[in-house]
């Protein structure tokens, strides 16, 4: 069911995809990918606050997954909940291990964090140097992440 939902989502059939993700969740309520799929549909339909709720559930189900953390932080950004986004990203980045930084998905989280630290204003700027240092340690992955 999840796979069918993904195909519908890729075809921009968001309402139909959401129905299939929800069917998958009725069978497997703790399936984080399906929960995130519902959130993606809600986001793409313009229902940002609903998307936030579903992304929060996906993160709760899989807290170490960088895609879910990234998507939730981005949804917070879209709804101008910068403090929530920064708190989530700070916790996620603090837990990153050097081996995690070899994947573009993991690496995108600190990049979003830098962007939001800048956007959120001067009181958050002291967080910038350690983030930039963390990013600078992985130039190859940084290049891939920026190009993705």
Protein backbone atom coordinates (compact mmCIF):
# COMPACT_ATOMS: atom_id res chain seq x y z
CA UNK A 1 0.00 0.00 0.00
CA UNK A 2 2.82 2.36 0.87
CA UNK A 3 4.44 1.70 -2.51
CA UNK A 4 1.20 2.50 -4.36
CA UNK A 5 0.93 5.71 -2.34
CA UNK A 6 4.48 6.64 -3.32
CA UNK A 7 3.66 6.18 -7.00
CA UNK A 8 0.58 8.37 -6.68
CA UNK A 9 2.60 10.98 -4.80
CA UNK A 10 5.25 11.01 -7.53
CA UNK A 11 2.43 11.64 -10.03
CA UNK A 12 1.28 14.62 -7.91
CA UNK A 13 -1.95 12.83 -7.01
CA UNK A 14 -1.68 14.00 -3.41
CA UNK A 15 -5.22 13.28 -2.22
CA UNK A 16 -5.20 9.76 -3.64
CA UNK A 17 -1.69 9.17 -2.28
CA UNK A 18 -2.80 10.34 1.16
CA UNK A 19 -5.68 7.83 1.12
CA UNK A 20 -3.22 5.01 0.38
CA UNK A 21 -0.76 6.16 3.04
CA UNK A 22 -3.62 6.23 5.54
CA UNK A 23 -4.65 2.70 4.51
CA UNK A 24 -1.07 1.58 5.10
CA UNK A 25 -1.15 3.25 8.53
CA UNK A 26 -4.32 1.38 9.48
CA UNK A 27 -2.41 -1.86 8.88
CA UNK A 28 0.90 -0.68 10.39
CA UNK A 29 0.24 2.38 12.60
CA UNK A 30 3.91 2.85 13.48
CA UNK A 31 5.17 3.00 9.90
CA UNK A 32 7.12 6.25 9.90
CA UNK A 33 7.48 6.38 6.11
CA UNK A 34 3.72 6.27 5.62
CA UNK A 35 3.23 8.91 8.31
CA UNK A 36 5.78 11.10 6.54
CA UNK A 37 3.99 10.41 3.26
CA UNK A 38 0.76 11.81 4.73
CA UNK A 39 2.74 14.84 5.92
CA UNK A 40 4.24 15.37 2.46
CA UNK A 41 0.79 15.25 0.91
CA UNK A 42 -0.60 17.72 3.44
CA UNK A 43 2.34 20.04 2.79
CA UNK A 44 1.92 19.87 -0.97
CA UNK A 45 -1.81 20.51 -0.61
CA UNK A 46 -0.99 23.66 1.37
CA UNK A 47 -2.11 22.29 4.75
CA UNK A 48 1.10 23.21 6.55
CA UNK A 49 -0.16 22.93 10.12
CA UNK A 50 -1.54 19.45 9.41
CA UNK A 51 1.78 18.55 7.79
CA UNK A 52 3.60 19.63 10.97
CA UNK A 53 1.45 17.27 13.07
CA UNK A 54 2.23 14.31 10.82
CA UNK A 55 5.95 15.14 10.58
CA UNK A 56 6.05 15.31 14.39
CA UNK A 57 4.59 11.81 14.52
CA UNK A 58 7.11 10.54 11.94
CA UNK A 59 10.00 11.99 13.97
CA UNK A 60 8.59 10.43 17.14
CA UNK A 61 8.53 7.05 15.38
CA UNK A 62 12.04 7.37 13.90
CA UNK A 63 13.93 10.10 15.78
CA UNK A 64 17.30 9.42 14.18
CA UNK A 65 16.05 9.59 10.59
CA UNK A 66 17.49 12.73 8.98
CA UNK A 67 14.77 13.04 6.37
CA UNK A 68 12.01 13.23 8.96
CA UNK A 69 13.94 15.75 11.07
CA UNK A 70 14.70 17.86 8.00
CA UNK A 71 11.09 17.81 6.82
CA UNK A 72 9.71 18.70 10.24
CA UNK A 73 12.19 21.56 10.65
CA UNK A 74 11.31 22.83 7.19
CA UNK A 75 7.59 22.65 8.01
CA UNK A 76 8.28 24.64 11.17
CA UNK A 77 10.09 27.17 8.99
CA UNK A 78 7.14 27.40 6.58
CA UNK A 79 4.82 28.06 9.52
CA UNK A 80 7.30 30.55 11.03
CA UNK A 81 7.92 28.43 14.12
CA UNK A 82 11.64 29.16 14.04
CA UNK A 83 12.36 28.37 17.68
CA UNK A 84 10.86 24.89 17.30
CA UNK A 85 12.84 24.32 14.11
CA UNK A 86 16.07 25.48 15.73
CA UNK A 87 15.51 23.36 18.83
CA UNK A 88 14.87 20.25 16.73
CA UNK A 89 17.88 20.88 14.50
CA UNK A 90 20.15 21.65 17.43
CA UNK A 91 19.24 18.36 19.13
CA UNK A 92 19.57 16.40 15.90
CA UNK A 93 22.94 17.94 14.99
CA UNK A 94 24.29 17.37 18.50
CA UNK A 95 23.55 13.67 18.12
CA UNK A 96 25.23 13.31 14.72
CA UNK A 97 28.26 11.07 14.65
CA UNK A 98 31.14 11.61 12.20
CA UNK A 99 30.06 8.54 10.20
CA UNK A 100 26.59 10.07 9.78
CA UNK A 101 28.07 13.03 7.97
CA UNK A 102 28.98 10.86 5.00
CA UNK A 103 25.40 10.85 3.69
CA UNK A 104 23.75 13.78 1.94
CA UNK A 105 20.51 13.22 3.91
CA UNK A 106 22.32 13.61 7.23
CA UNK A 107 24.39 16.49 5.92
CA UNK A 108 21.35 18.48 4.76
CA UNK A 109 20.21 18.86 8.38
CA UNK A 110 23.16 21.05 9.47
CA UNK A 111 22.82 23.07 6.26
CA UNK A 112 19.18 23.82 7.07
CA UNK A 113 20.21 24.62 10.64
CA UNK A 114 22.74 27.22 9.37
CA UNK A 115 20.07 28.80 7.19
CA UNK A 116 17.56 29.00 10.03
CA UNK A 117 20.15 30.32 12.52
CA UNK A 118 20.80 33.13 10.06
CA UNK A 119 17.10 33.80 9.41
CA UNK A 120 16.08 33.62 13.08
CA UNK A 121 18.18 36.62 13.98
CA UNK A 122 21.21 37.78 15.92
CA UNK A 123 20.40 36.08 19.21
CA UNK A 124 20.90 32.72 17.45
CA UNK A 125 24.07 33.68 15.57
CA UNK A 126 26.49 32.30 18.23
CA UNK A 127 25.44 28.82 17.07
CA UNK A 128 26.83 29.53 13.61
CA UNK A 129 30.63 28.97 14.06
CA UNK A 130 30.36 25.41 15.43
CA UNK A 131 27.90 24.52 12.66
CA UNK A 132 30.15 25.92 9.98
CA UNK A 133 33.07 23.99 11.47
CA UNK A 134 31.02 20.80 11.42
CA UNK A 135 30.15 21.38 7.77
CA UNK A 136 33.72 22.36 6.78
CA UNK A 137 35.04 19.01 7.99
CA UNK A 138 33.20 17.24 5.14
CA UNK A 139 33.83 19.23 1.92
CA UNK A 140 32.95 16.38 -0.48
CA UNK A 141 29.59 15.74 1.16
CA UNK A 142 28.96 19.50 1.39
CA UNK A 143 29.38 19.78 -2.36
CA UNK A 144 26.99 16.87 -2.99
CA UNK A 145 24.42 18.27 -0.54
CA UNK A 146 24.44 21.72 -2.07
CA UNK A 147 24.10 20.25 -5.57
CA UNK A 148 21.26 17.90 -4.58
